[in-house]
Protein backbone atom coordinates (compact mmCIF):
# COMPACT_ATOMS: atom_id res chain seq x y z
CA UNK A 1 -0.36 -0.30 -0.20
CA UNK A 2 1.25 3.53 -0.92
CA UNK A 3 1.87 5.74 2.18
CA UNK A 4 0.82 9.34 1.52
CA UNK A 5 2.84 12.18 2.42
CA UNK A 6 2.71 14.57 4.78
CA UNK A 7 3.48 18.11 4.06
CA UNK A 8 3.62 20.35 7.24
CA UNK A 9 1.62 24.07 6.10
CA UNK A 10 3.56 26.37 6.00
CA UNK A 11 2.73 28.90 9.52
CA UNK A 12 2.14 32.31 9.38
CA UNK A 13 5.41 33.43 10.46
CA UNK A 14 6.99 31.83 6.59
CA UNK A 15 3.76 33.71 5.32
CA UNK A 16 4.03 36.73 6.98
CA UNK A 17 8.34 36.77 6.13
CA UNK A 18 7.35 35.79 2.04
CA UNK A 19 4.92 38.29 2.10
CA UNK A 20 7.80 40.95 3.53
CA UNK A 21 10.16 39.53 0.40
CA UNK A 22 12.47 37.45 2.25
CA UNK A 23 13.61 34.44 -0.18
CA UNK A 24 13.50 31.50 2.18
CA UNK A 25 10.36 31.75 3.20
CA UNK A 26 9.26 31.91 -0.76
CA UNK A 27 10.82 29.19 -0.98
CA UNK A 28 9.38 27.38 1.57
CA UNK A 29 5.93 28.22 0.34
CA UNK A 30 6.68 27.40 -3.14
CA UNK A 31 8.28 24.00 -1.94
CA UNK A 32 5.34 22.92 -0.43
CA UNK A 33 2.34 23.53 -3.54
CA UNK A 34 5.26 21.98 -5.70
CA UNK A 35 3.70 18.62 -5.95
CA UNK A 36 0.05 20.41 -6.64
CA UNK A 37 2.29 22.76 -9.68
CA UNK A 38 3.71 19.92 -10.78
CA UNK A 39 0.29 17.80 -11.16
CA UNK A 40 -1.36 20.74 -12.55
CA UNK A 41 1.59 20.96 -15.30
CA UNK A 42 1.44 17.83 -16.47
CA UNK A 43 0.49 17.01 -20.37
CA UNK A 44 -1.12 14.00 -21.23
CA UNK A 45 0.93 13.60 -24.40
CA UNK A 46 4.02 12.96 -23.21
CA UNK A 47 3.07 12.22 -19.31
CA UNK A 48 5.46 14.80 -18.16
CA UNK A 49 5.51 17.93 -16.53
CA UNK A 50 5.60 21.32 -18.82
CA UNK A 51 8.48 23.25 -17.18
CA UNK A 52 7.41 26.35 -18.79
CA UNK A 53 3.81 26.12 -17.34
CA UNK A 54 5.37 25.36 -14.09
CA UNK A 55 7.52 28.88 -14.19
CA UNK A 56 4.98 30.94 -14.99
CA UNK A 57 2.76 29.83 -12.27
CA UNK A 58 5.38 29.33 -9.17
CA UNK A 59 6.09 33.67 -10.91
CA UNK A 60 2.77 33.96 -10.59
CA UNK A 61 2.64 32.71 -6.94
CA UNK A 62 5.77 34.60 -6.40
CA UNK A 63 3.84 37.73 -7.47
CA UNK A 64 0.31 36.53 -5.32
CA UNK A 65 2.17 35.93 -2.10
CA UNK A 66 4.61 39.63 -2.42
CA UNK A 67 1.27 41.21 -3.15
CA UNK A 68 -0.70 39.79 0.03
CA UNK A 69 -2.07 42.16 2.50
CA UNK A 70 -3.59 40.47 6.41
CA UNK A 71 -5.69 42.70 7.69
CA UNK A 72 -5.32 42.64 11.96
CA UNK A 73 -8.26 44.19 13.25
């Protein structure tokens, strides 16, 4: 039986550090979402990951992280 891999969700500190532009925190978030990004980029013709599409998705996620705003009341 294949075991599911357990992924630790990014903490609030990592998310807020990524929002401030910390490269290590951004990499941690991208690493967390990497399996999902790869699965989204699979092309059925070759059953391979489309690296160009994966790069564009990673770029879009980085842009969203930097523009994300947490409202504290």
